[in-house]
Amino acid sequence: YRYLGGHIGQGKDDFVKEKVLEWVESVRRFLPMVRRNPQAVHTGISRSLQHEWAYLQRVIEVDPEKYAILDDIIQAELIPALFDADEIPAEFDKLFTLPV
């Protein structure tokens, strides 16, 4: 059952998977806008989507691997697009994942 943005009972893995796929799609919708408006894209993700992710991770305990696809698209597509680079060095990964 859904409860205050969270989930109670069986099926929480499916619920989290559904939410993660929605967020992946949302990140993909932002990608075409990055070249012209990188600040707006960063603001949209950091002020909206990121708070949704953090909230769900606080209220529903699941394996962190459930969020791997979201992390992958952010690392492979969003961050390089924000910095107008083909690839971001691996040592910057930790810097970009520091808490806000």
PDB file of N, CA and C in Angstrom:
ATOM      1  N   TYR A   1       0.831  -1.186   0.000  1.00  0.00           N
ATOM      2  CA  TYR A   1       0.000   0.000   0.000  1.00  0.00           C
ATOM      3  C   TYR A   1       0.874   1.247   0.000  1.00  0.00           C
ATOM      4  N   ARG A   2       0.436   2.235  -0.704  1.00  0.00           N
ATOM      5  CA  ARG A   2       1.153   3.499  -0.713  1.00  0.00           C
ATOM      6  C   ARG A   2       0.727   4.304   0.499  1.00  0.00           C
ATOM      7  N   TYR A   3       1.688   4.951   1.139  1.00  0.00           N
ATOM      8  CA  TYR A   3       1.391   5.728   2.335  1.00  0.00           C
ATOM      9  C   TYR A   3       2.336   6.919   2.405  1.00  0.00           C
ATOM     10  N   LEU A   4       1.808   8.127   2.262  1.00  0.00           N
ATOM     11  CA  LEU A   4       2.583   9.358   2.356  1.00  0.00           C
ATOM     12  C   LEU A   4       3.838   9.344   1.491  1.00  0.00           C
ATOM     13  N   GLY A   5       3.692   8.874   0.263  1.00  0.00           N
ATOM     14  CA  GLY A   5       4.836   8.854  -0.629  1.00  0.00           C
ATOM     15  C   GLY A   5       5.733   7.653  -0.425  1.00  0.00           C
ATOM     16  N   GLY A   6       5.435   6.850   0.577  1.00  0.00           N
ATOM     17  CA  GLY A   6       6.215   5.660   0.859  1.00  0.00           C
ATOM     18  C   GLY A   6       5.418   4.429   0.492  1.00  0.00           C
ATOM     19  N   HIS A   7       5.751   3.326   1.092  1.00  0.00           N
ATOM     20  CA  HIS A   7       5.082   2.076   0.778  1.00  0.00           C
ATOM     21  C   HIS A   7       5.078   1.209   2.010  1.00  0.00           C
ATOM     22  N   ILE A   8       3.941   0.579   2.276  1.00  0.00           N
ATOM     23  CA  ILE A   8       3.814  -0.332   3.414  1.00  0.00           C
ATOM     24  C   ILE A   8       3.398  -1.686   2.866  1.00  0.00           C
ATOM     25  N   GLY A   9       3.980  -2.736   3.398  1.00  0.00           N
ATOM     26  CA  GLY A   9       3.571  -4.081   3.007  1.00  0.00           C
ATOM     27  C   GLY A   9       4.442  -4.669   1.915  1.00  0.00           C
ATOM     28  N   GLN A  10       3.890  -5.676   1.267  1.00  0.00           N
ATOM     29  CA  GLN A  10       4.627  -6.373   0.219  1.00  0.00           C
ATOM     30  C   GLN A  10       4.662  -5.527  -1.044  1.00  0.00           C
ATOM     31  N   GLY A  11       5.632  -5.824  -1.892  1.00  0.00           N
ATOM     32  CA  GLY A  11       5.720  -5.145  -3.171  1.00  0.00           C
ATOM     33  C   GLY A  11       6.537  -3.872  -3.149  1.00  0.00           C
ATOM     34  N   LYS A  12       7.299  -3.635  -2.066  1.00  0.00           N
ATOM     35  CA  LYS A  12       8.057  -2.390  -2.012  1.00  0.00           C
ATOM     36  C   LYS A  12       9.164  -2.351  -3.061  1.00  0.00           C
ATOM     37  N   ASP A  13       9.732  -3.520  -3.393  1.00  0.00           N
ATOM     38  CA  ASP A  13      10.757  -3.542  -4.433  1.00  0.00           C
ATOM     39  C   ASP A  13      10.181  -3.105  -5.773  1.00  0.00           C
ATOM     40  N   ASP A  14       8.979  -3.571  -6.078  1.00  0.00           N
ATOM     41  CA  ASP A  14       8.332  -3.160  -7.324  1.00  0.00           C
ATOM     42  C   ASP A  14       8.002  -1.674  -7.308  1.00  0.00           C
ATOM     43  N   PHE A  15       7.565  -1.184  -6.164  1.00  0.00           N
ATOM     44  CA  PHE A  15       7.245   0.230  -6.019  1.00  0.00           C
ATOM     45  C   PHE A  15       8.491   1.081  -6.261  1.00  0.00           C
ATOM     46  N   VAL A  16       9.618   0.694  -5.648  1.00  0.00           N
ATOM     47  CA  VAL A  16      10.865   1.438  -5.815  1.00  0.00           C
ATOM     48  C   VAL A  16      11.340   1.349  -7.263  1.00  0.00           C
ATOM     49  N   LYS A  17      11.237   0.179  -7.859  1.00  0.00           N
ATOM     50  CA  LYS A  17      11.653   0.024  -9.254  1.00  0.00           C
ATOM     51  C   LYS A  17      10.847   0.949 -10.164  1.00  0.00           C
ATOM     52  N   GLU A  18       9.548   1.028  -9.931  1.00  0.00           N
ATOM     53  CA  GLU A  18       8.679   1.906 -10.725  1.00  0.00           C
ATOM     54  C   GLU A  18       9.096   3.373 -10.563  1.00  0.00           C
ATOM     55  N   LYS A  19       9.356   3.793  -9.329  1.00  0.00           N
ATOM     56  CA  LYS A  19       9.772   5.180  -9.078  1.00  0.00           C
ATOM     57  C   LYS A  19      11.114   5.477  -9.737  1.00  0.00           C
ATOM     58  N   VAL A  20      12.060   4.552  -9.626  1.00  0.00           N
ATOM     59  CA  VAL A  20      13.379   4.753 -10.224  1.00  0.00           C
ATOM     60  C   VAL A  20      13.256   4.889 -11.734  1.00  0.00           C
ATOM     61  N   LEU A  21      12.438   4.063 -12.358  1.00  0.00           N
ATOM     62  CA  LEU A  21      12.251   4.162 -13.804  1.00  0.00           C
ATOM     63  C   LEU A  21      11.606   5.496 -14.197  1.00  0.00           C
ATOM     64  N   GLU A  22      10.693   5.997 -13.373  1.00  0.00           N
ATOM     65  CA  GLU A  22      10.111   7.321 -13.626  1.00  0.00           C
ATOM     66  C   GLU A  22      11.191   8.399 -13.556  1.00  0.00           C
ATOM     67  N   TRP A  23      12.082   8.312 -12.572  1.00  0.00           N
ATOM     68  CA  TRP A  23      13.131   9.310 -12.422  1.00  0.00           C
ATOM     69  C   TRP A  23      14.148   9.221 -13.555  1.00  0.00           C
ATOM     70  N   VAL A  24      14.454   8.012 -14.003  1.00  0.00           N
ATOM     71  CA  VAL A  24      15.361   7.853 -15.139  1.00  0.00           C
ATOM     72  C   VAL A  24      14.760   8.546 -16.366  1.00  0.00           C
ATOM     73  N   GLU A  25      13.477   8.348 -16.582  1.00  0.00           N
ATOM     74  CA  GLU A  25      12.797   9.006 -17.699  1.00  0.00           C
ATOM     75  C   GLU A  25      12.825  10.520 -17.532  1.00  0.00           C
ATOM     76  N   SER A  26      12.651  11.005 -16.322  1.00  0.00           N
ATOM     77  CA  SER A  26      12.706  12.444 -16.068  1.00  0.00           C
ATOM     78  C   SER A  26      14.092  13.002 -16.382  1.00  0.00           C
ATOM     79  N   VAL A  27      15.136  12.304 -15.975  1.00  0.00           N
ATOM     80  CA  VAL A  27      16.503  12.744 -16.281  1.00  0.00           C
ATOM     81  C   VAL A  27      16.704  12.761 -17.789  1.00  0.00           C
ATOM     82  N   ARG A  28      16.202  11.752 -18.471  1.00  0.00           N
ATOM     83  CA  ARG A  28      16.336  11.711 -19.944  1.00  0.00           C
ATOM     84  C   ARG A  28      15.609  12.890 -20.599  1.00  0.00           C
ATOM     85  N   ARG A  29      14.490  13.308 -20.025  1.00  0.00           N
ATOM     86  CA  ARG A  29      13.769  14.468 -20.574  1.00  0.00           C
ATOM     87  C   ARG A  29      14.569  15.754 -20.411  1.00  0.00           C
ATOM     88  N   PHE A  30      15.388  15.831 -19.378  1.00  0.00           N
ATOM     89  CA  PHE A  30      16.213  17.010 -19.166  1.00  0.00           C
ATOM     90  C   PHE A  30      17.408  17.079 -20.121  1.00  0.00           C
ATOM     91  N   LEU A  31      17.895  15.947 -20.589  1.00  0.00           N
ATOM     92  CA  LEU A  31      19.130  15.904 -21.370  1.00  0.00           C
ATOM     93  C   LEU A  31      19.129  16.814 -22.604  1.00  0.00           C
ATOM     94  N   PRO A  32      18.053  16.873 -23.398  1.00  0.00           N
ATOM     95  CA  PRO A  32      18.098  17.765 -24.569  1.00  0.00           C
ATOM     96  C   PRO A  32      18.225  19.253 -24.205  1.00  0.00           C
ATOM     97  N   MET A  33      17.875  19.615 -23.004  1.00  0.00           N
ATOM     98  CA  MET A  33      17.916  21.017 -22.583  1.00  0.00           C
ATOM     99  C   MET A  33      19.267  21.442 -22.023  1.00  0.00           C
ATOM    100  N   VAL A  34      20.145  20.493 -21.768  1.00  0.00           N
ATOM    101  CA  VAL A  34      21.396  20.785 -21.069  1.00  0.00           C
ATOM    102  C   VAL A  34      22.283  21.764 -21.839  1.00  0.00           C
ATOM    103  N   ARG A  35      22.387  21.617 -23.138  1.00  0.00           N
ATOM    104  CA  ARG A  35      23.284  22.482 -23.914  1.00  0.00           C
ATOM    105  C   ARG A  35      22.905  23.957 -23.821  1.00  0.00           C
ATOM    106  N   ARG A  36      21.631  24.244 -23.874  1.00  0.00           N
ATOM    107  CA  ARG A  36      21.198  25.647 -23.861  1.00  0.00           C
ATOM    108  C   ARG A  36      20.994  26.193 -22.453  1.00  0.00           C
ATOM    109  N   ASN A  37      20.593  25.351 -21.523  1.00  0.00           N
ATOM    110  CA  ASN A  37      20.264  25.806 -20.166  1.00  0.00           C
ATOM    111  C   ASN A  37      20.827  24.878 -19.089  1.00  0.00           C
ATOM    112  N   PRO A  38      22.134  24.768 -18.971  1.00  0.00           N
ATOM    113  CA  PRO A  38      22.682  23.829 -17.979  1.00  0.00           C
ATOM    114  C   PRO A  38      22.307  24.188 -16.540  1.00  0.00           C
ATOM    115  N   GLN A  39      22.257  25.481 -16.227  1.00  0.00           N
ATOM    116  CA  GLN A  39      21.914  25.877 -14.866  1.00  0.00           C
ATOM    117  C   GLN A  39      20.470  25.507 -14.528  1.00  0.00           C
ATOM    118  N   ALA A  40      19.578  25.700 -15.483  1.00  0.00           N
ATOM    119  CA  ALA A  40      18.168  25.371 -15.250  1.00  0.00           C
ATOM    120  C   ALA A  40      17.987  23.869 -15.049  1.00  0.00           C
ATOM    121  N   VAL A  41      18.715  23.081 -15.829  1.00  0.00           N
ATOM    122  CA  VAL A  41      18.637  21.620 -15.684  1.00  0.00           C
ATOM    123  C   VAL A  41      19.178  21.208 -14.316  1.00  0.00           C
ATOM    124  N   HIS A  42      20.314  21.754 -13.946  1.00  0.00           N
ATOM    125  CA  HIS A  42      20.888  21.426 -12.637  1.00  0.00           C
ATOM    126  C   HIS A  42      19.923  21.813 -11.521  1.00  0.00           C
ATOM    127  N   THR A  43      19.323  22.973 -11.633  1.00  0.00           N
ATOM    128  CA  THR A  43      18.371  23.429 -10.620  1.00  0.00           C
ATOM    129  C   THR A  43      17.161  22.506 -10.556  1.00  0.00           C
ATOM    130  N   GLY A  44      16.625  22.138 -11.709  1.00  0.00           N
ATOM    131  CA  GLY A  44      15.464  21.254 -11.736  1.00  0.00           C
ATOM    132  C   GLY A  44      15.736  19.916 -11.089  1.00  0.00           C
ATOM    133  N   ILE A  45      16.904  19.387 -11.352  1.00  0.00           N
ATOM    134  CA  ILE A  45      17.242  18.078 -10.786  1.00  0.00           C
ATOM    135  C   ILE A  45      17.582  18.196  -9.300  1.00  0.00           C
ATOM    136  N   SER A  46      18.371  19.202  -8.939  1.00  0.00           N
ATOM    137  CA  SER A  46      18.800  19.293  -7.542  1.00  0.00           C
ATOM    138  C   SER A  46      17.709  19.809  -6.606  1.00  0.00           C
ATOM    139  N   ARG A  47      16.755  20.564  -7.115  1.00  0.00           N
ATOM    140  CA  ARG A  47      15.700  21.106  -6.258  1.00  0.00           C
ATOM    141  C   ARG A  47      14.433  20.265  -6.238  1.00  0.00           C
ATOM    142  N   SER A  48      14.306  19.369  -7.183  1.00  0.00           N
ATOM    143  CA  SER A  48      13.082  18.575  -7.246  1.00  0.00           C
ATOM    144  C   SER A  48      13.374  17.081  -7.175  1.00  0.00           C
ATOM    145  N   LEU A  49      13.941  16.558  -8.243  1.00  0.00           N
ATOM    146  CA  LEU A  49      14.143  15.108  -8.324  1.00  0.00           C
ATOM    147  C   LEU A  49      15.034  14.585  -7.200  1.00  0.00           C
ATOM    148  N   GLN A  50      16.100  15.292  -6.918  1.00  0.00           N
ATOM    149  CA  GLN A  50      17.029  14.826  -5.887  1.00  0.00           C
ATOM    150  C   GLN A  50      16.343  14.712  -4.525  1.00  0.00           C
ATOM    151  N   HIS A  51      15.441  15.622  -4.228  1.00  0.00           N
ATOM    152  CA  HIS A  51      14.725  15.547  -2.950  1.00  0.00           C
ATOM    153  C   HIS A  51      13.752  14.369  -2.929  1.00  0.00           C
ATOM    154  N   GLU A  52      13.151  14.068  -4.064  1.00  0.00           N
ATOM    155  CA  GLU A  52      12.283  12.892  -4.141  1.00  0.00           C
ATOM    156  C   GLU A  52      13.084  11.620  -3.893  1.00  0.00           C
ATOM    157  N   TRP A  53      14.285  11.531  -4.513  1.00  0.00           N
ATOM    158  CA  TRP A  53      15.123  10.343  -4.328  1.00  0.00           C
ATOM    159  C   TRP A  53      15.507  10.205  -2.867  1.00  0.00           C
ATOM    160  N   ALA A  54      15.954  11.296  -2.270  1.00  0.00           N
ATOM    161  CA  ALA A  54      16.406  11.243  -0.876  1.00  0.00           C
ATOM    162  C   ALA A  54      15.272  10.840   0.058  1.00  0.00           C
ATOM    163  N   TYR A  55      14.086  11.383  -0.187  1.00  0.00           N
ATOM    164  CA  TYR A  55      12.951  11.048   0.667  1.00  0.00           C
ATOM    165  C   TYR A  55      12.626   9.560   0.574  1.00  0.00           C
ATOM    166  N   LEU A  56      12.542   9.036  -0.641  1.00  0.00           N
ATOM    167  CA  LEU A  56      12.195   7.625  -0.804  1.00  0.00           C
ATOM    168  C   LEU A  56      13.255   6.728  -0.166  1.00  0.00           C
ATOM    169  N   GLN A  57      14.510   7.099  -0.289  1.00  0.00           N
ATOM    170  CA  GLN A  57      15.569   6.296   0.318  1.00  0.00           C
ATOM    171  C   GLN A  57      15.495   6.327   1.846  1.00  0.00           C
ATOM    172  N   ARG A  58      14.968   7.403   2.418  1.00  0.00           N
ATOM    173  CA  ARG A  58      14.814   7.477   3.868  1.00  0.00           C
ATOM    174  C   ARG A  58      13.632   6.657   4.355  1.00  0.00           C
ATOM    175  N   VAL A  59      12.531   6.644   3.616  1.00  0.00           N
ATOM    176  CA  VAL A  59      11.316   6.003   4.133  1.00  0.00           C
ATOM    177  C   VAL A  59      11.166   4.541   3.729  1.00  0.00           C
ATOM    178  N   ILE A  60      11.874   4.104   2.695  1.00  0.00           N
ATOM    179  CA  ILE A  60      11.778   2.704   2.270  1.00  0.00           C
ATOM    180  C   ILE A  60      13.176   2.108   2.201  1.00  0.00           C
ATOM    181  N   GLU A  61      13.392   1.092   3.004  1.00  0.00           N
ATOM    182  CA  GLU A  61      14.677   0.424   3.018  1.00  0.00           C
ATOM    183  C   GLU A  61      14.709  -0.665   1.963  1.00  0.00           C
ATOM    184  N   VAL A  62      15.541  -0.481   0.950  1.00  0.00           N
ATOM    185  CA  VAL A  62      15.751  -1.503  -0.077  1.00  0.00           C
ATOM    186  C   VAL A  62      17.235  -1.545  -0.408  1.00  0.00           C
ATOM    187  N   ASP A  63      17.604  -2.544  -1.159  1.00  0.00           N
ATOM    188  CA  ASP A  63      18.985  -2.698  -1.603  1.00  0.00           C
ATOM    189  C   ASP A  63      19.387  -1.485  -2.444  1.00  0.00           C
ATOM    190  N   PRO A  64      20.512  -0.852  -2.131  1.00  0.00           N
ATOM    191  CA  PRO A  64      20.960   0.308  -2.918  1.00  0.00           C
ATOM    192  C   PRO A  64      21.130   0.008  -4.409  1.00  0.00           C
ATOM    193  N   GLU A  65      21.291  -1.254  -4.751  1.00  0.00           N
ATOM    194  CA  GLU A  65      21.418  -1.627  -6.162  1.00  0.00           C
ATOM    195  C   GLU A  65      20.152  -1.306  -6.960  1.00  0.00           C
ATOM    196  N   LYS A  66      19.039  -1.148  -6.273  1.00  0.00           N
ATOM    197  CA  LYS A  66      17.779  -0.798  -6.955  1.00  0.00           C
ATOM    198  C   LYS A  66      17.887   0.571  -7.620  1.00  0.00           C
ATOM    199  N   TYR A  67      18.799   1.408  -7.120  1.00  0.00           N
ATOM    200  CA  TYR A  67      18.983   2.753  -7.656  1.00  0.00           C
ATOM    201  C   TYR A  67      20.126   2.822  -8.672  1.00  0.00           C
ATOM    202  N   ALA A  68      20.732   1.693  -8.998  1.00  0.00           N
ATOM    203  CA  ALA A  68      21.913   1.669  -9.861  1.00  0.00           C
ATOM    204  C   ALA A  68      21.638   2.257 -11.248  1.00  0.00           C
ATOM    205  N   ILE A  69      20.494   1.955 -11.837  1.00  0.00           N
ATOM    206  CA  ILE A  69      20.199   2.467 -13.168  1.00  0.00           C
ATOM    207  C   ILE A  69      20.115   3.995 -13.164  1.00  0.00           C
ATOM    208  N   LEU A  70      19.605   4.553 -12.096  1.00  0.00           N
ATOM    209  CA  LEU A  70      19.524   6.009 -11.963  1.00  0.00           C
ATOM    210  C   LEU A  70      20.927   6.597 -11.825  1.00  0.00           C
ATOM    211  N   ASP A  71      21.730   5.987 -10.987  1.00  0.00           N
ATOM    212  CA  ASP A  71      23.110   6.433 -10.814  1.00  0.00           C
ATOM    213  C   ASP A  71      23.877   6.344 -12.130  1.00  0.00           C
ATOM    214  N   ASP A  72      23.642   5.269 -12.885  1.00  0.00           N
ATOM    215  CA  ASP A  72      24.340   5.082 -14.158  1.00  0.00           C
ATOM    216  C   ASP A  72      24.021   6.197 -15.151  1.00  0.00           C
ATOM    217  N   ILE A  73      22.753   6.549 -15.292  1.00  0.00           N
ATOM    218  CA  ILE A  73      22.399   7.588 -16.261  1.00  0.00           C
ATOM    219  C   ILE A  73      22.936   8.949 -15.832  1.00  0.00           C
ATOM    220  N   ILE A  74      22.965   9.191 -14.524  1.00  0.00           N
ATOM    221  CA  ILE A  74      23.513  10.458 -14.039  1.00  0.00           C
ATOM    222  C   ILE A  74      25.008  10.523 -14.316  1.00  0.00           C
ATOM    223  N   GLN A  75      25.723   9.444 -14.010  1.00  0.00           N
ATOM    224  CA  GLN A  75      27.172   9.417 -14.208  1.00  0.00           C
ATOM    225  C   GLN A  75      27.569   9.397 -15.688  1.00  0.00           C
ATOM    226  N   ALA A  76      26.838   8.637 -16.493  1.00  0.00           N
ATOM    227  CA  ALA A  76      27.237   8.446 -17.890  1.00  0.00           C
ATOM    228  C   ALA A  76      26.713   9.527 -18.829  1.00  0.00           C
ATOM    229  N   GLU A  77      25.563  10.115 -18.516  1.00  0.00           N
ATOM    230  CA  GLU A  77      24.961  11.053 -19.469  1.00  0.00           C
ATOM    231  C   GLU A  77      24.767  12.459 -18.907  1.00  0.00           C
ATOM    232  N   LEU A  78      24.190  12.586 -17.730  1.00  0.00           N
ATOM    233  CA  LEU A  78      23.843  13.907 -17.219  1.00  0.00           C
ATOM    234  C   LEU A  78      25.071  14.736 -16.842  1.00  0.00           C
ATOM    235  N   ILE A  79      25.946  14.194 -16.028  1.00  0.00           N
ATOM    236  CA  ILE A  79      27.108  14.972 -15.574  1.00  0.00           C
ATOM    237  C   ILE A  79      28.011  15.363 -16.739  1.00  0.00           C
ATOM    238  N   PRO A  80      28.350  14.443 -17.661  1.00  0.00           N
ATOM    239  CA  PRO A  80      29.140  14.897 -18.814  1.00  0.00           C
ATOM    240  C   PRO A  80      28.427  15.972 -19.640  1.00  0.00           C
ATOM    241  N   ALA A  81      27.114  15.868 -19.772  1.00  0.00           N
ATOM    242  CA  ALA A  81      26.371  16.881 -20.531  1.00  0.00           C
ATOM    243  C   ALA A  81      26.407  18.234 -19.821  1.00  0.00           C
ATOM    244  N   LEU A  82      26.289  18.237 -18.492  1.00  0.00           N
ATOM    245  CA  LEU A  82      26.334  19.490 -17.740  1.00  0.00           C
ATOM    246  C   LEU A  82      27.679  20.195 -17.899  1.00  0.00           C
ATOM    247  N   PHE A  83      28.745  19.421 -18.017  1.00  0.00           N
ATOM    248  CA  PHE A  83      30.080  20.000 -18.148  1.00  0.00           C
ATOM    249  C   PHE A  83      30.562  20.049 -19.593  1.00  0.00           C
ATOM    250  N   ASP A  84      29.668  19.739 -20.516  1.00  0.00           N
ATOM    251  CA  ASP A  84      29.987  19.760 -21.943  1.00  0.00           C
ATOM    252  C   ASP A  84      31.267  18.973 -22.231  1.00  0.00           C
ATOM    253  N   ALA A  85      31.303  17.762 -21.708  1.00  0.00           N
ATOM    254  CA  ALA A  85      32.459  16.888 -21.874  1.00  0.00           C
ATOM    255  C   ALA A  85      31.986  15.512 -22.321  1.00  0.00           C
ATOM    256  N   ASP A  86      32.861  14.828 -23.056  1.00  0.00           N
ATOM    257  CA  ASP A  86      32.516  13.470 -23.479  1.00  0.00           C
ATOM    258  C   ASP A  86      32.592  12.499 -22.315  1.00  0.00           C
ATOM    259  N   GLU A  87      33.531  12.783 -21.415  1.00  0.00           N
ATOM    260  CA  GLU A  87      33.749  11.878 -20.290  1.00  0.00           C
ATOM    261  C   GLU A  87      34.274  12.680 -19.104  1.00  0.00           C
ATOM    262  N   ILE A  88      33.858  12.289 -17.920  1.00  0.00           N
ATOM    263  CA  ILE A  88      34.317  12.938 -16.688  1.00  0.00           C
ATOM    264  C   ILE A  88      35.277  11.979 -15.988  1.00  0.00           C
ATOM    265  N   PRO A  89      36.455  12.448 -15.572  1.00  0.00           N
ATOM    266  CA  PRO A  89      37.401  11.564 -14.887  1.00  0.00           C
ATOM    267  C   PRO A  89      36.783  10.906 -13.649  1.00  0.00           C
ATOM    268  N   ALA A  90      37.170   9.690 -13.393  1.00  0.00           N
ATOM    269  CA  ALA A  90      36.606   8.900 -12.296  1.00  0.00           C
ATOM    270  C   ALA A  90      36.813   9.553 -10.933  1.00  0.00           C
ATOM    271  N   GLU A  91      37.911  10.289 -10.757  1.00  0.00           N
ATOM    272  CA  GLU A  91      38.159  10.899  -9.439  1.00  0.00           C
ATOM    273  C   GLU A  91      37.138  11.995  -9.103  1.00  0.00           C
ATOM    274  N   PHE A  92      36.419  12.496 -10.096  1.00  0.00           N
ATOM    275  CA  PHE A  92      35.388  13.498  -9.840  1.00  0.00           C
ATOM    276  C   PHE A  92      34.078  12.876  -9.369  1.00  0.00           C
ATOM    277  N   ASP A  93      33.914  11.575  -9.555  1.00  0.00           N
ATOM    278  CA  ASP A  93      32.675  10.909  -9.143  1.00  0.00           C
ATOM    279  C   ASP A  93      32.358  11.149  -7.674  1.00  0.00           C
ATOM    280  N   LYS A  94      33.350  11.022  -6.823  1.00  0.00           N
ATOM    281  CA  LYS A  94      33.130  11.219  -5.389  1.00  0.00           C
ATOM    282  C   LYS A  94      32.743  12.666  -5.093  1.00  0.00           C
ATOM    283  N   LEU A  95      33.356  13.587  -5.802  1.00  0.00           N
ATOM    284  CA  LEU A  95      33.042  15.003  -5.609  1.00  0.00           C
ATOM    285  C   LEU A  95      31.569  15.292  -5.963  1.00  0.00           C
ATOM    286  N   PHE A  96      31.088  14.703  -7.041  1.00  0.00           N
ATOM    287  CA  PHE A  96      29.727  14.953  -7.492  1.00  0.00           C
ATOM    288  C   PHE A  96      28.675  14.253  -6.638  1.00  0.00           C
ATOM    289  N   THR A  97      29.082  13.282  -5.860  1.00  0.00           N
ATOM    290  CA  THR A  97      28.108  12.555  -5.045  1.00  0.00           C
ATOM    291  C   THR A  97      28.124  12.977  -3.572  1.00  0.00           C
ATOM    292  N   LEU A  98      28.827  14.053  -3.259  1.00  0.00           N
ATOM    293  CA  LEU A  98      28.812  14.548  -1.887  1.00  0.00           C
ATOM    294  C   LEU A  98      27.407  15.050  -1.552  1.00  0.00           C
ATOM    295  N   PRO A  99      27.001  14.948  -0.289  1.00  0.00           N
ATOM    296  CA  PRO A  99      25.675  15.416   0.081  1.00  0.00           C
ATOM    297  C   PRO A  99      25.532  16.918  -0.106  1.00  0.00           C
ATOM    298  N   VAL A 100      24.307  17.325  -0.347  1.00  0.00           N
ATOM    299  CA  VAL A 100      24.027  18.746  -0.570  1.00  0.00           C
ATOM    300  C   VAL A 100      23.947  19.463   0.751  1.00  0.00           C
TER     301      VAL A 100
END
